[in-house]
Protein backbone atom coordinates (compact mmCIF):
# COMPACT_ATOMS: atom_id res chain seq x y z
CA MET A 1 75.79 -55.88 -61.90
CA PRO A 2 72.61 -57.26 -61.77
CA HIS A 3 72.47 -57.94 -65.51
CA ALA A 4 75.79 -59.86 -65.10
CA LEU A 5 74.41 -61.91 -62.06
CA LEU A 6 71.16 -62.75 -64.12
CA GLN A 7 73.30 -63.75 -66.77
CA LEU A 8 75.37 -66.23 -64.59
CA CYS A 9 72.32 -67.61 -63.02
CA ARG A 10 71.01 -68.44 -66.47
CA SER A 11 74.03 -70.01 -67.58
CA LEU A 12 74.17 -72.11 -64.45
CA TYR A 13 70.61 -73.22 -64.84
CA ARG A 14 71.23 -76.37 -66.60
CA PRO A 15 70.80 -79.99 -65.47
CA TRP A 16 74.35 -80.86 -64.98
CA PRO A 17 75.70 -77.47 -63.47
CA MET A 18 72.70 -77.53 -61.02
CA ALA A 19 72.79 -81.22 -60.07
CA LEU A 20 76.59 -80.86 -59.23
CA LEU A 21 75.98 -77.63 -57.33
CA MET A 22 73.10 -79.43 -55.41
CA ALA A 23 75.09 -82.55 -54.64
CA LEU A 24 78.21 -80.67 -53.39
CA ALA A 25 76.15 -78.42 -51.30
CA GLY A 26 74.14 -81.44 -50.28
CA ALA A 27 77.22 -83.12 -49.29
CA PHE A 28 78.69 -80.57 -47.33
CA LEU A 29 75.43 -79.68 -45.45
CA LEU A 30 74.79 -83.25 -44.71
CA ALA A 31 78.21 -84.13 -43.88
CA PHE A 32 77.96 -81.23 -41.36
CA LEU A 33 74.73 -82.14 -39.83
CA GLY A 34 76.16 -85.82 -39.67
CA LEU A 35 79.02 -84.59 -37.56
CA GLY A 36 76.63 -82.70 -35.36
CA LEU A 37 74.44 -85.92 -35.16
CA ALA A 38 77.55 -87.86 -34.59
CA LEU A 39 78.60 -85.71 -31.70
CA SER A 40 75.17 -85.82 -30.18
CA GLN A 41 74.89 -89.48 -30.21
CA ALA A 42 78.54 -89.79 -28.93
CA GLN A 43 77.95 -87.63 -26.15
CA GLU A 44 74.67 -89.73 -25.38
CA ALA A 45 76.77 -93.01 -25.59
CA GLN A 46 79.38 -91.49 -23.36
CA ARG A 47 76.73 -90.34 -20.91
CA GLU A 48 75.00 -93.79 -20.82
CA ASP A 49 78.57 -95.53 -20.32
CA LEU A 50 79.61 -93.13 -17.46
CA GLU A 51 76.20 -93.61 -15.69
CA ASN A 52 76.45 -97.32 -15.93
CA ARG A 53 79.96 -97.40 -14.39
CA GLY A 54 79.31 -94.65 -12.33
CA GLU A 55 76.30 -96.56 -10.63
CA ARG A 56 78.62 -99.49 -9.71
CA LEU A 57 81.18 -97.27 -8.36
CA LEU A 58 78.51 -95.26 -6.49
CA LEU A 59 77.27 -98.39 -4.83
CA ARG A 60 80.77 -99.51 -3.80
CA LEU A 61 81.47 -95.88 -2.45
CA GLU A 62 78.43 -96.03 -0.30
CA GLN A 63 79.15 -99.38 1.10
CA ILE A 64 82.79 -98.21 2.00
CA LEU A 65 81.59 -94.80 3.50
CA GLY A 66 78.80 -96.59 5.42
CA GLN A 67 81.38 -99.13 6.84
CA LEU A 68 83.71 -96.40 7.92
CA ARG A 69 80.95 -94.70 9.67
CA GLN A 70 79.76 -97.83 11.47
CA GLY A 71 83.44 -98.39 12.64
CA LEU A 72 83.75 -94.77 13.87
CA ALA A 73 80.48 -95.23 15.91
CA GLY A 74 81.70 -98.37 17.48
CA LEU A 75 85.06 -96.65 18.57
CA GLU A 76 83.32 -93.85 20.15
CA LEU A 77 81.04 -96.08 22.11
CA GLN A 78 83.91 -97.89 23.55
CA PRO A 79 85.47 -96.20 26.69
CA LEU A 80 89.36 -96.34 26.21
CA ARG A 81 91.16 -93.11 25.08
CA HIS A 82 94.71 -94.32 25.81
CA CYS A 83 97.15 -95.91 23.54
CA ASP A 84 97.43 -99.21 25.42
CA PRO A 85 97.27 -102.77 24.17
CA ALA A 86 93.35 -102.91 24.98
CA LEU A 87 92.66 -99.93 22.72
CA VAL A 88 95.10 -101.28 19.90
CA GLU A 89 93.02 -104.56 20.23
CA ASN A 90 89.83 -102.70 19.81
CA LEU A 91 91.09 -100.82 16.67
CA ARG A 92 92.11 -104.21 15.30
CA GLN A 93 88.73 -105.68 16.05
CA VAL A 94 86.89 -103.07 14.16
CA SER A 95 89.37 -103.42 11.27
CA PHE A 96 88.62 -107.28 11.36
CA GLU A 97 84.90 -106.95 11.70
CA HIS A 98 84.34 -104.34 8.49
CA ARG A 99 85.69 -105.40 5.13
CA PHE A 100 86.21 -102.16 3.74
CA ILE A 101 88.17 -100.61 6.80
CA HIS A 102 91.89 -100.99 5.98
CA GLU A 103 93.08 -99.40 9.08
CA ALA A 104 91.86 -97.80 12.29
CA SER A 105 93.94 -95.49 14.30
CA PHE A 106 93.60 -93.07 17.49
CA ALA A 107 95.54 -89.72 17.78
CA ALA A 108 95.30 -87.55 20.85
CA ASP A 109 97.44 -85.71 23.53
CA GLY A 110 100.63 -86.74 21.26
CA GLN A 111 99.49 -90.20 21.52
CA LEU A 112 99.39 -92.09 18.26
CA CYS A 113 98.41 -95.78 17.74
CA SER A 114 96.86 -97.90 15.15
CA SER A 115 95.45 -101.40 13.77
CA ARG A 116 98.43 -101.93 11.95
CA PRO A 117 101.47 -101.35 14.38
CA ARG A 118 104.12 -102.34 11.85
CA HIS A 119 103.27 -99.21 9.71
CA ALA A 120 102.94 -95.73 10.32
CA PRO A 121 99.46 -94.84 11.03
CA ALA A 122 97.89 -92.73 8.25
CA GLU A 123 97.92 -89.08 9.47
CA PRO A 124 96.91 -86.49 7.27
CA ALA A 125 99.00 -83.42 6.93
CA ARG A 126 96.43 -81.08 5.67
CA PRO A 127 92.72 -80.16 6.84
CA ALA A 128 89.83 -82.07 5.88
CA ASP A 129 88.66 -81.78 2.36
CA PHE A 130 85.00 -81.30 3.58
CA HIS A 131 82.83 -81.99 6.73
CA SER A 132 79.49 -83.40 6.99
CA ARG A 133 77.27 -84.05 9.95
CA GLY A 134 80.01 -84.23 12.28
CA LEU A 135 82.60 -86.03 10.32
CA ASP A 136 85.61 -85.04 8.68
CA TYR A 137 86.62 -86.50 5.22
CA TRP A 138 90.02 -86.68 3.32
CA LEU A 139 90.14 -88.07 -0.01
CA THR A 140 93.34 -89.67 -1.09
CA ALA A 141 94.85 -89.15 2.13
CA THR A 142 98.06 -91.01 2.05
CA HIS A 143 100.86 -90.80 -0.54
CA THR A 144 103.17 -93.91 0.58
CA ALA A 145 105.29 -94.88 -2.24
CA ASP A 146 105.56 -98.62 -1.37
CA GLU A 147 101.85 -99.27 -1.21
CA ASP A 148 98.69 -98.08 -2.51
CA PRO A 149 97.52 -94.99 -0.78
CA ALA A 150 93.97 -95.11 0.92
CA PRO A 151 91.59 -93.06 -1.15
CA LEU A 152 89.32 -92.13 1.62
CA MET A 153 89.73 -91.28 5.33
CA VAL A 154 87.03 -90.40 7.84
CA ALA A 155 87.66 -88.86 11.34
CA GLN A 156 85.32 -88.20 14.35
CA ALA A 157 86.91 -86.87 17.45
CA SER A 158 90.13 -88.65 18.03
CA PHE A 159 89.45 -91.72 15.93
CA ARG A 160 90.10 -92.09 12.12
CA VAL A 161 89.40 -95.00 9.68
CA SER A 162 90.48 -95.36 6.19
CA SER A 163 89.85 -97.73 3.28
CA PHE A 164 92.17 -99.32 0.66
CA ARG A 165 92.39 -98.18 -2.89
CA GLY A 166 91.95 -101.72 -4.02
CA HIS A 167 88.49 -101.72 -2.61
CA LEU A 168 87.32 -99.02 -5.13
CA LEU A 169 89.29 -100.49 -7.88
CA ASP A 170 87.14 -103.69 -7.65
CA ALA A 171 84.34 -101.90 -9.18
CA LEU A 172 86.25 -100.07 -11.72
CA ASP A 173 88.64 -100.60 -14.65
CA PRO A 174 91.31 -98.09 -14.19
CA SER A 175 93.02 -99.18 -17.48
CA ASP A 176 91.17 -96.69 -19.66
CA GLY A 177 92.33 -93.66 -17.51
CA LEU A 178 88.82 -92.73 -16.06
CA GLY A 179 89.03 -90.26 -13.15
CA VAL A 180 86.62 -90.52 -10.17
CA TYR A 181 85.67 -87.43 -8.23
CA LEU A 182 83.48 -86.48 -5.12
CA ILE A 183 81.52 -83.22 -5.23
CA PRO A 184 80.66 -82.17 -1.80
CA ARG A 185 76.93 -80.74 -1.50
CA GLY A 186 76.99 -76.94 -2.20
CA SER A 187 80.41 -76.99 -3.44
CA THR A 188 81.80 -76.01 -6.92
CA GLN A 189 85.07 -78.12 -6.29
CA ALA A 190 85.11 -81.90 -7.69
CA LEU A 191 87.65 -83.41 -5.29
CA PRO A 192 89.70 -86.44 -6.99
CA ILE A 193 89.37 -89.87 -5.26
CA LEU A 194 91.11 -91.94 -7.94
CA ALA A 195 92.44 -89.22 -10.46
CA ALA A 196 95.91 -88.17 -11.44
CA THR A 197 94.62 -84.51 -11.77
CA PRO A 198 93.99 -81.80 -9.08
CA PRO A 199 90.52 -80.69 -7.91
CA LEU A 200 88.48 -79.34 -10.59
CA THR A 201 86.68 -75.95 -10.34
CA LEU A 202 82.95 -76.36 -11.87
CA LEU A 203 80.88 -73.35 -13.44
CA PRO A 204 78.30 -72.39 -10.76
CA GLY A 205 75.06 -75.00 -11.37
CA ALA A 206 77.25 -77.38 -13.13
CA ALA A 207 77.74 -79.36 -9.89
CA ASP A 208 73.99 -80.01 -9.70
CA SER A 209 73.53 -80.70 -13.56
CA ALA A 210 72.62 -84.26 -14.56
CA ALA A 211 73.73 -83.80 -18.12
CA LEU A 212 77.27 -84.73 -19.75
CA GLN A 213 79.56 -81.64 -19.71
CA LEU A 214 82.75 -80.94 -21.26
CA LEU A 215 85.72 -79.83 -19.15
CA ASP A 216 88.59 -78.61 -21.43
CA GLY A 217 87.20 -81.17 -23.97
CA GLN A 218 86.93 -84.03 -21.60
CA PRO A 219 83.42 -85.62 -20.93
CA PHE A 220 82.60 -85.12 -17.30
CA TYR A 221 79.57 -86.64 -15.75
CA ALA A 222 77.98 -85.93 -12.33
CA LEU A 223 75.80 -88.94 -11.44
CA PRO A 224 72.29 -87.98 -9.89
CA GLY A 225 71.77 -89.50 -6.55
CA GLY A 226 70.00 -88.92 -3.29
CA ASN A 227 72.99 -88.73 -0.76
CA PRO A 228 72.81 -85.50 1.31
CA ASP A 229 76.51 -85.12 1.65
CA TYR A 230 78.06 -85.69 -1.89
CA ARG A 231 77.69 -86.30 -5.62
CA LEU A 232 80.07 -88.91 -7.51
CA ALA A 233 81.57 -87.57 -10.79
CA LEU A 234 83.33 -89.33 -13.57
CA LEU A 235 85.71 -87.73 -15.96
CA ALA A 236 86.59 -89.63 -18.98
CA PRO A 237 89.52 -89.20 -21.35
CA ARG A 238 89.26 -86.84 -24.46
CA ALA A 239 90.36 -89.61 -26.64
CA GLN A 240 87.44 -91.84 -25.72
CA LEU A 241 84.92 -89.23 -26.72
CA LEU A 242 86.67 -88.54 -30.14
CA GLU A 243 86.78 -92.22 -30.91
CA ARG A 244 83.26 -92.35 -30.51
CA ILE A 245 82.54 -89.41 -32.58
CA ARG A 246 84.77 -91.08 -35.43
CA GLU A 247 82.78 -94.30 -35.29
CA TYR A 248 79.31 -92.55 -35.40
CA TRP A 249 80.46 -90.11 -38.05
CA GLU A 250 81.85 -92.90 -40.28
CA ARG A 251 78.55 -94.82 -39.95
CA LEU A 252 76.37 -91.68 -41.12
CA LEU A 253 78.77 -90.31 -43.90
CA PRO A 254 77.97 -93.09 -46.66
CA ALA A 255 74.16 -92.30 -46.01
CA SER A 256 74.86 -88.68 -46.24
CA LEU A 257 76.78 -89.01 -49.54
CA LEU A 258 74.04 -91.27 -50.79
CA LEU A 259 71.26 -88.59 -49.97
CA ALA A 260 73.61 -85.74 -51.51
CA LEU A 261 73.70 -87.94 -54.62
CA LEU A 262 70.05 -88.52 -54.66
CA GLY A 263 69.39 -84.84 -54.20
CA GLY A 264 71.66 -84.18 -57.04
CA GLY A 265 69.90 -86.61 -59.33
CA ALA A 266 66.48 -85.35 -58.46
CA THR A 267 67.81 -81.70 -59.20
CA PHE A 268 69.03 -82.91 -62.58
CA TRP A 269 65.66 -84.36 -63.33
CA LEU A 270 63.62 -81.35 -62.04
CA VAL A 271 65.68 -78.77 -64.06
CA ARG A 272 65.61 -80.92 -67.15
CA ARG A 273 61.88 -81.32 -66.74
CA ARG A 274 61.37 -77.51 -66.16
CA LEU A 275 63.48 -76.48 -69.02
CA SER A 276 61.77 -79.08 -71.23
CA LEU A 277 58.58 -77.90 -70.22
CA HIS A 278 59.71 -74.38 -70.83
CA GLY A 279 60.42 -75.12 -74.46
CA ALA A 280 57.30 -77.31 -74.81
CA LEU A 281 55.21 -74.32 -73.56
CA GLN A 282 56.65 -72.14 -76.13
CA GLY A 283 55.95 -74.64 -78.79
CA ALA A 284 52.40 -74.91 -77.29
CA LEU A 285 51.80 -71.26 -77.93
CA ARG A 286 53.14 -71.55 -81.34
CA ARG A 287 50.97 -74.87 -82.26
CA GLN A 288 47.97 -73.43 -80.52
CA GLU A 289 47.85 -76.62 -78.18
CA LEU A 290 46.35 -74.45 -75.45
CA GLN A 291 42.59 -74.62 -75.04
CA VAL A 292 40.02 -72.49 -73.28
CA HIS A 293 37.37 -73.90 -71.24
CA TYR A 294 34.56 -72.16 -69.19
CA GLN A 295 33.42 -72.86 -65.58
CA PRO A 296 29.98 -71.50 -65.21
CA ILE A 297 28.86 -69.08 -62.67
CA PHE A 298 25.29 -69.26 -61.16
CA HIS A 299 23.05 -66.92 -59.31
CA LEU A 300 22.30 -68.78 -56.01
CA ALA A 301 18.79 -67.77 -55.58
CA SER A 302 17.53 -68.39 -59.16
CA ARG A 303 20.08 -70.81 -60.30
CA ARG A 304 20.56 -68.86 -63.58
CA CYS A 305 23.82 -68.90 -65.22
CA ILE A 306 25.27 -65.30 -65.34
CA GLY A 307 28.62 -66.12 -66.88
CA ALA A 308 31.74 -68.15 -66.63
CA GLU A 309 35.46 -68.29 -65.70
CA ALA A 310 37.59 -68.82 -68.65
CA LEU A 311 40.11 -71.57 -67.68
CA MET A 312 43.37 -72.49 -69.60
CA ARG A 313 44.04 -76.29 -70.45
CA TRP A 314 47.08 -77.61 -72.22
CA GLN A 315 46.47 -80.90 -74.23
CA ARG A 316 49.63 -82.28 -75.49
CA PRO A 317 49.76 -83.84 -79.14
CA ASP A 318 49.61 -87.46 -77.33
CA GLY A 319 46.35 -86.54 -75.87
CA SER A 320 47.95 -86.14 -72.23
CA LEU A 321 46.88 -83.01 -70.16
CA THR A 322 49.24 -80.83 -68.46
CA SER A 323 47.85 -79.43 -65.11
CA PRO A 324 47.55 -75.65 -65.09
CA GLU A 325 49.19 -75.73 -61.47
CA LEU A 326 52.29 -76.99 -63.20
CA PHE A 327 52.70 -74.80 -66.50
CA ILE A 328 51.02 -71.44 -65.26
CA PRO A 329 53.55 -70.79 -62.28
CA LEU A 330 56.29 -71.78 -64.85
CA ALA A 331 54.76 -69.33 -67.32
CA GLU A 332 54.78 -66.66 -64.80
CA SER A 333 58.33 -67.03 -63.79
CA THR A 334 59.55 -67.01 -67.31
CA GLY A 335 57.19 -64.17 -68.50
CA GLN A 336 55.46 -66.40 -71.09
CA ILE A 337 52.21 -65.46 -68.95
CA ARG A 338 51.59 -62.39 -70.86
CA ALA A 339 51.48 -64.28 -74.17
CA ILE A 340 48.95 -66.63 -72.71
CA THR A 341 46.99 -63.96 -71.20
CA ASP A 342 46.72 -62.45 -74.53
CA PHE A 343 45.99 -65.58 -76.23
CA LEU A 344 43.13 -66.31 -73.63
CA LEU A 345 41.40 -62.95 -74.21
CA ARG A 346 41.37 -63.30 -78.08
CA GLU A 347 40.05 -66.76 -77.69
CA VAL A 348 37.32 -65.81 -75.58
CA LEU A 349 36.09 -63.19 -77.85
CA GLU A 350 36.69 -65.31 -81.18
CA GLN A 351 34.74 -68.28 -79.56
CA LEU A 352 31.92 -66.23 -77.49
CA GLY A 353 31.87 -62.93 -79.01
CA ASP A 354 28.57 -63.31 -80.81
CA LEU A 355 26.99 -65.00 -77.66
CA LEU A 356 28.11 -61.93 -75.48
CA ARG A 357 26.56 -59.58 -78.22
CA ASN A 358 23.29 -61.50 -77.97
CA HIS A 359 23.14 -62.05 -74.32
CA PRO A 360 24.64 -58.72 -72.74
CA GLU A 361 23.77 -60.03 -69.22
CA LEU A 362 26.37 -62.56 -69.53
CA TYR A 363 30.31 -61.90 -68.58
CA ILE A 364 33.30 -63.90 -68.96
CA SER A 365 36.22 -63.23 -65.98
CA ILE A 366 39.80 -63.57 -67.01
CA ASN A 367 42.59 -64.55 -64.70
CA LEU A 368 45.22 -61.97 -64.50
CA SER A 369 48.77 -62.72 -62.95
CA ALA A 370 51.04 -60.34 -60.85
CA CYS A 371 52.92 -59.19 -64.24
CA ASP A 372 49.60 -58.43 -65.96
CA VAL A 373 48.46 -56.30 -62.97
CA SER A 374 51.94 -54.31 -62.46
CA ALA A 375 51.60 -52.97 -65.85
CA PRO A 376 48.91 -50.86 -67.71
CA ARG A 377 48.85 -53.22 -70.93
CA ILE A 378 45.80 -55.16 -70.33
CA GLY A 379 43.31 -52.46 -70.66
CA PRO A 380 44.18 -50.85 -74.21
CA LEU A 381 44.29 -54.62 -75.47
CA THR A 382 41.14 -55.47 -74.25
CA GLU A 383 39.66 -52.27 -75.65
CA ARG A 384 40.82 -53.15 -79.01
CA LEU A 385 39.54 -56.67 -79.04
CA LEU A 386 36.15 -55.55 -77.68
CA ALA A 387 35.86 -52.83 -80.39
CA ARG A 388 36.52 -55.43 -83.07
CA HIS A 389 33.98 -58.12 -81.79
CA GLY A 390 31.23 -55.37 -80.77
CA VAL A 391 31.43 -56.79 -77.18
CA ARG A 392 30.68 -54.25 -73.94
CA PRO A 393 33.44 -53.64 -71.63
CA GLU A 394 31.32 -54.98 -68.43
CA GLN A 395 31.19 -58.31 -70.21
CA ILE A 396 34.84 -59.13 -69.49
CA ALA A 397 35.75 -58.85 -65.81
CA PHE A 398 39.33 -59.67 -64.64
CA GLU A 399 40.08 -61.65 -61.64
CA VAL A 400 43.30 -61.39 -59.38
CA THR A 401 44.38 -63.10 -56.53
CA GLU A 402 45.72 -61.53 -53.28
CA ARG A 403 49.07 -63.35 -53.67
CA GLY A 404 49.34 -61.84 -57.06
CA LEU A 405 49.36 -58.20 -55.98
CA ILE A 406 52.97 -57.90 -55.31
CA ASP A 407 53.26 -54.11 -55.67
CA LEU A 408 49.92 -52.72 -54.30
CA GLN A 409 50.36 -49.21 -55.31
CA ALA A 410 50.71 -50.12 -59.12
CA ALA A 411 48.20 -52.73 -58.90
CA SER A 412 45.66 -50.50 -57.25
CA ARG A 413 46.34 -47.81 -60.06
CA ASN A 414 46.02 -50.28 -63.07
CA LEU A 415 42.77 -51.95 -61.56
CA ALA A 416 41.27 -48.51 -61.18
CA GLU A 417 42.05 -47.89 -64.88
CA LEU A 418 40.41 -51.19 -65.60
CA ARG A 419 37.44 -50.19 -63.75
CA ALA A 420 37.12 -46.70 -65.28
CA ARG A 421 37.19 -48.58 -68.81
CA GLY A 422 33.95 -50.43 -67.69
CA HIS A 423 35.38 -53.69 -66.47
CA ARG A 424 34.66 -55.43 -63.08
CA VAL A 425 37.44 -56.44 -60.67
CA LEU A 426 37.10 -59.69 -58.64
CA ILE A 427 39.49 -60.84 -55.84
CA ASP A 428 40.14 -64.66 -56.38
CA ASP A 429 40.92 -67.37 -53.67
CA PHE A 430 39.90 -64.62 -51.17
CA GLY A 431 40.98 -65.69 -47.55
CA THR A 432 44.14 -67.41 -48.45
CA GLY A 433 46.28 -64.42 -48.94
CA TYR A 434 46.74 -61.24 -47.01
CA SER A 435 42.95 -60.80 -46.25
CA SER A 436 43.40 -57.44 -44.68
CA LEU A 437 40.49 -55.16 -44.27
CA ALA A 438 42.78 -52.09 -45.05
CA TYR A 439 44.28 -54.01 -47.81
CA LEU A 440 40.97 -54.75 -49.36
CA GLN A 441 39.57 -51.18 -49.00
CA ALA A 442 42.72 -50.00 -50.78
CA LEU A 443 41.92 -51.70 -53.95
CA PRO A 444 39.07 -51.08 -56.43
CA VAL A 445 37.02 -54.27 -56.16
CA ASP A 446 33.55 -55.24 -57.18
CA CYS A 447 33.51 -58.97 -55.92
CA LEU A 448 35.23 -61.55 -53.68
CA LYS A 449 35.48 -65.14 -54.65
CA ILE A 450 35.39 -67.39 -51.58
CA ASP A 451 38.29 -70.21 -51.64
CA LYS A 452 36.98 -73.67 -52.16
CA ALA A 453 38.68 -74.60 -48.66
CA PHE A 454 36.31 -72.40 -46.89
CA VAL A 455 33.36 -73.71 -48.95
CA ASP A 456 34.20 -77.29 -48.29
CA ALA A 457 34.50 -76.51 -44.55
CA LEU A 458 30.82 -75.52 -44.42
CA GLY A 459 28.72 -77.76 -42.16
CA ALA A 460 31.77 -79.40 -40.83
CA ASP A 461 33.25 -79.39 -37.35
CA ALA A 462 36.25 -77.55 -38.32
CA ALA A 463 37.88 -74.28 -37.20
CA SER A 464 37.44 -72.92 -40.70
CA SER A 465 33.68 -73.64 -41.04
CA GLY A 466 32.70 -70.06 -40.00
CA VAL A 467 35.15 -68.32 -42.40
CA ALA A 468 32.80 -68.27 -45.38
CA PRO A 469 29.80 -66.67 -43.84
CA HIS A 470 32.33 -64.18 -42.31
CA ILE A 471 33.47 -63.27 -45.59
CA VAL A 472 30.05 -62.71 -46.91
CA ARG A 473 29.14 -60.55 -44.06
CA MET A 474 32.30 -58.45 -44.61
CA ALA A 475 31.45 -58.22 -48.13
CA ARG A 476 28.04 -56.98 -47.33
CA ALA A 477 29.33 -54.36 -45.07
CA LEU A 478 31.78 -53.40 -47.84
CA ARG A 479 28.83 -53.46 -50.44
CA LEU A 480 30.70 -56.04 -52.51
CA LYS A 481 29.27 -59.21 -54.27
CA VAL A 482 30.24 -62.55 -53.47
CA ILE A 483 31.04 -65.65 -55.47
CA ALA A 484 31.68 -68.86 -53.67
CA GLU A 485 33.80 -71.38 -55.58
CA GLY A 486 33.82 -75.07 -55.65
CA ILE A 487 30.27 -75.93 -54.52
CA GLU A 488 29.75 -79.43 -54.83
CA ARG A 489 26.81 -80.34 -52.40
CA GLU A 490 23.16 -78.78 -52.41
CA ASP A 491 23.51 -78.03 -48.85
CA GLN A 492 26.44 -75.94 -49.38
CA ALA A 493 24.61 -74.02 -51.93
CA ARG A 494 21.44 -73.42 -49.68
CA LEU A 495 23.61 -72.45 -46.68
CA LEU A 496 25.64 -69.88 -48.94
CA ASP A 497 22.27 -68.66 -50.17
CA ASN A 498 20.90 -68.10 -46.83
CA GLU A 499 23.83 -66.33 -45.44
CA GLY A 500 23.53 -63.77 -48.43
CA ALA A 501 26.08 -65.06 -51.05
CA ASP A 502 25.24 -63.96 -54.37
CA TYR A 503 26.70 -66.43 -56.74
CA GLY A 504 28.46 -69.87 -57.08
CA GLN A 505 30.31 -72.07 -59.04
CA GLY A 506 31.31 -75.84 -58.83
CA TRP A 507 30.56 -79.25 -59.80
CA LEU A 508 27.10 -78.81 -58.39
CA PHE A 509 26.22 -76.70 -61.28
CA ALA A 510 28.47 -77.57 -63.91
CA GLY A 511 32.14 -78.39 -64.36
CA PRO A 512 34.56 -76.55 -66.96
CA LEU A 513 32.91 -76.75 -70.36
CA SER A 514 34.14 -76.26 -73.97
CA ALA A 515 32.86 -73.21 -75.87
CA HIS A 516 30.06 -75.36 -77.62
CA ALA A 517 29.07 -76.77 -74.49
CA PHE A 518 28.90 -73.60 -72.74
CA ARG A 519 26.83 -72.06 -75.82
CA ALA A 520 24.32 -74.91 -75.39
CA LEU A 521 24.14 -74.42 -71.55
CA ILE A 522 23.18 -70.77 -72.32
CA GLY A 523 20.77 -71.74 -74.85
CA GLY A 524 18.82 -73.88 -72.44
CA ALA A 525 19.25 -72.00 -69.29
CA LEU A 526 17.99 -68.49 -70.27
CA PRO A 527 14.49 -68.66 -71.75
CA GLY A 528 12.51 -65.56 -72.37
CA ALA A 529 13.64 -62.26 -71.51
CA PRO A 530 17.27 -61.86 -70.65
CA ALA A 531 18.69 -61.24 -67.14
CA GLU A 532 20.97 -58.15 -66.36
CA SER A 533 23.92 -59.59 -64.66
CA PHE A 534 26.31 -56.85 -65.49
CA PRO A 535 23.98 -53.60 -66.06
CA PRO A 536 25.55 -50.58 -68.06
CA ARG A 537 27.51 -48.34 -65.97
CA ARG A 538 28.88 -45.07 -66.68
CA ARG A 539 32.06 -44.95 -68.24
CA GLN A 540 34.82 -43.15 -66.52
CA PRO A 541 37.95 -41.80 -68.51
CA ALA A 542 41.08 -43.99 -67.70
CA PRO A 543 44.06 -42.18 -66.10
CA GLY A 544 46.07 -40.69 -68.84
CA GLY A 545 43.60 -41.71 -71.63
CA SER A 546 40.30 -40.68 -73.23
CA GLY A 547 38.39 -43.45 -71.76
CA THR A 548 36.82 -44.60 -75.33
CA ALA A 549 36.10 -47.82 -76.23
CA GLY A 550 36.64 -47.45 -80.04
CA ALA A 551 33.68 -48.76 -81.77
CA ALA A 552 32.09 -50.59 -78.68
CA PRO A 553 28.38 -50.06 -78.37
CA ALA A 554 27.52 -47.11 -76.18
CA PRO A 555 25.64 -48.02 -73.08
CA ARG A 556 21.73 -47.43 -73.03
CA PRO A 557 20.33 -44.94 -70.64
CA ARG A 558 19.21 -46.49 -67.56
CA SER A 559 15.34 -45.64 -68.37
CA GLU A 560 15.63 -47.82 -71.70
CA GLU A 561 17.36 -50.96 -69.93
CA PRO A 562 15.29 -54.05 -69.41
CA ALA A 563 13.91 -54.89 -66.14
CA ARG A 564 16.71 -56.67 -63.99
CA ALA A 565 15.98 -60.25 -63.69
CA PRO A 566 17.13 -62.21 -60.46
CA GLY A 567 20.67 -62.58 -60.35
CA GLY A 568 21.81 -59.36 -61.68
CA TRP A 569 25.11 -57.78 -60.55
CA HIS A 570 23.85 -54.36 -59.37
CA PRO A 571 26.56 -52.50 -57.84
CA ALA A 572 25.26 -49.93 -55.29
CA PRO A 573 25.41 -45.96 -55.92
CA GLY A 574 28.60 -44.40 -55.05
CA ARG A 575 30.65 -47.45 -55.20
CA ARG A 576 34.33 -46.97 -55.80
C-alpha cells in the first residue's frame, strides 16, 4: 500500500494535475472562508442597523414612559378618589397635557371612569408584566379589534395611564417585520411591545449581552442602556440576515475564485520549475557543472588558516549561478544528495590531495545531509578515497546540522563509526535546531559551529546577543572546540577570541575560494614549520569492521610529532 500511494503521488506530481488540485482546493477553501466572512460581515451590518434603529426607538420609548410616569404622579397628587365629573375632568386634563398619554383612567371600589368616556377604559385582564419602583407595567395591554391597541400601560394605586401604538410606530418602520421587545432587568423573558410572537425565553446571561445573537436563526439584539428598569431588544426577520449574507458572499466570491486561480497558476509554475530543476540537476551531475569552493577557517588568536569548509556551487552553462539554498534541499528530497556528496568527496581529494599530504595540519570539512548520516556508507567510501590519495583520516572532517539528525540513534551510531575511523565530527549551525544539552551529550561530537545569526548579534542590543558567549562556555564545559561562522568585523573576532572561541570563518578573513586561490592562501599563510591543527589520534576499530584505512599512512608516535603551533586542534584526553 505505501508503494502504491507513493506511485500515485508521483503520477500526480505534474504541473497540470497539481495546479488543478490546488485551484479546486483553493476555490473550496476560499469559498468556505468567504462564506464565514460574509456571515460575520452580515451579522455586523445587521447589528449596526438594529442598533441605529433601536436607539431611535429607545429614545421614543423613554419619552413615552417618562410622560406616563409624570401623568401618574400628577393624578396621585390630586385629592379626588371618586368617579365624578371633577375626576373625569382631571383625567382629561392629564391626557391633554401629555402628548404620549392616550388614555387616563381610575378604577377602585367598583368604580371605573376614563378620560375617554365614549370608549370602554383599558382594563387589563391579567397581572402586570413586570413591576419596578412601585409601578406596574403592562405591554400590549388591550386587544380591541376596531382600534390600535395601546402597547404600554402603567398603573399606580387606582390610576392607570396608557399610550397609543402610533406613538411608537412614528419611530419605527413596521413594514419589514421588525419585532420590538422589552427585557426587565434581571429577567430572562423578552416581552413583546410591537411583535406578533409570544414572549421569548433567553438563555442565562443572554439578556445582559451586547452582541448580536441568533434565536432560531433570527437576529436578536438587546440594546445597551443605562435604564435601571429594562432593556430594549429587537428581533429581525431571518430573511433579512440571509439576504445580507447573500449580498456579501456574492461580493467575495469573485475575489475567492481569482485567488484560487492565482494559486493554481503559482502551483503550476513552482511544480514545473521544480521538475525542471530536478532534471537540470541530474544533467549538471553528468556534465560536471557543480563546482567546489573552499571557505577558509582561521585560528582566532594567531590568525593562521587551519583548514576550510567545502561548499557546492552550481554554475549553469549560461554563466548563471543557482543558489545552494535552492538545489541542495531539492537534492535531499529526491535522493540526489548522495551522488552530490560522493562527487564532493572525490573533487576535494582530487583538487587538494597533494596539498593535504604536504600540510598535515590542514583539514577540509564536508557537509553531510540526513540521508548521509542515517546510513553507514560515507565511512567506507572516504576510506577508499583517502587510501588512493594518501591523505590522513583526521584531515577530512564531517559537518552535520541539528535539523538533519532525524534518526538520532542511527546518527549517533554512524557518527561514532566515522570518529573511530579517525574523522572529526562538527555540529553545524548550532543553536538553530534542538540545542538540547542531553541531545548534544548523546552524539559523538568534536566541535560546535556557532550560527552566523548569533555572531551578527554580538555587540548589539538584541535578545540573542548573549547566545554566542553562552555556547562557547557550554562547549568549554563539554571539552569541545568552537568555530564561529559569518565573522565580518574585527570587533566580533576579538570578542569571540576573548570569550574563548577557538576558530572562525567569514568575510573578515576570506570568502569562498576556488581550489587554486585556496592553495595560494595556504602558500602565503603558513611559512616555516607547519602547525598541527588535527594531531594524529589513535585509530579505533569501526563497529563491525577492522578499522583499517587501506594504504593510508600510519600516524606517527606522539614523541615524533612536531611541536604544536597556536591554533592546533587538541582534543582533551578521555574525550568520547
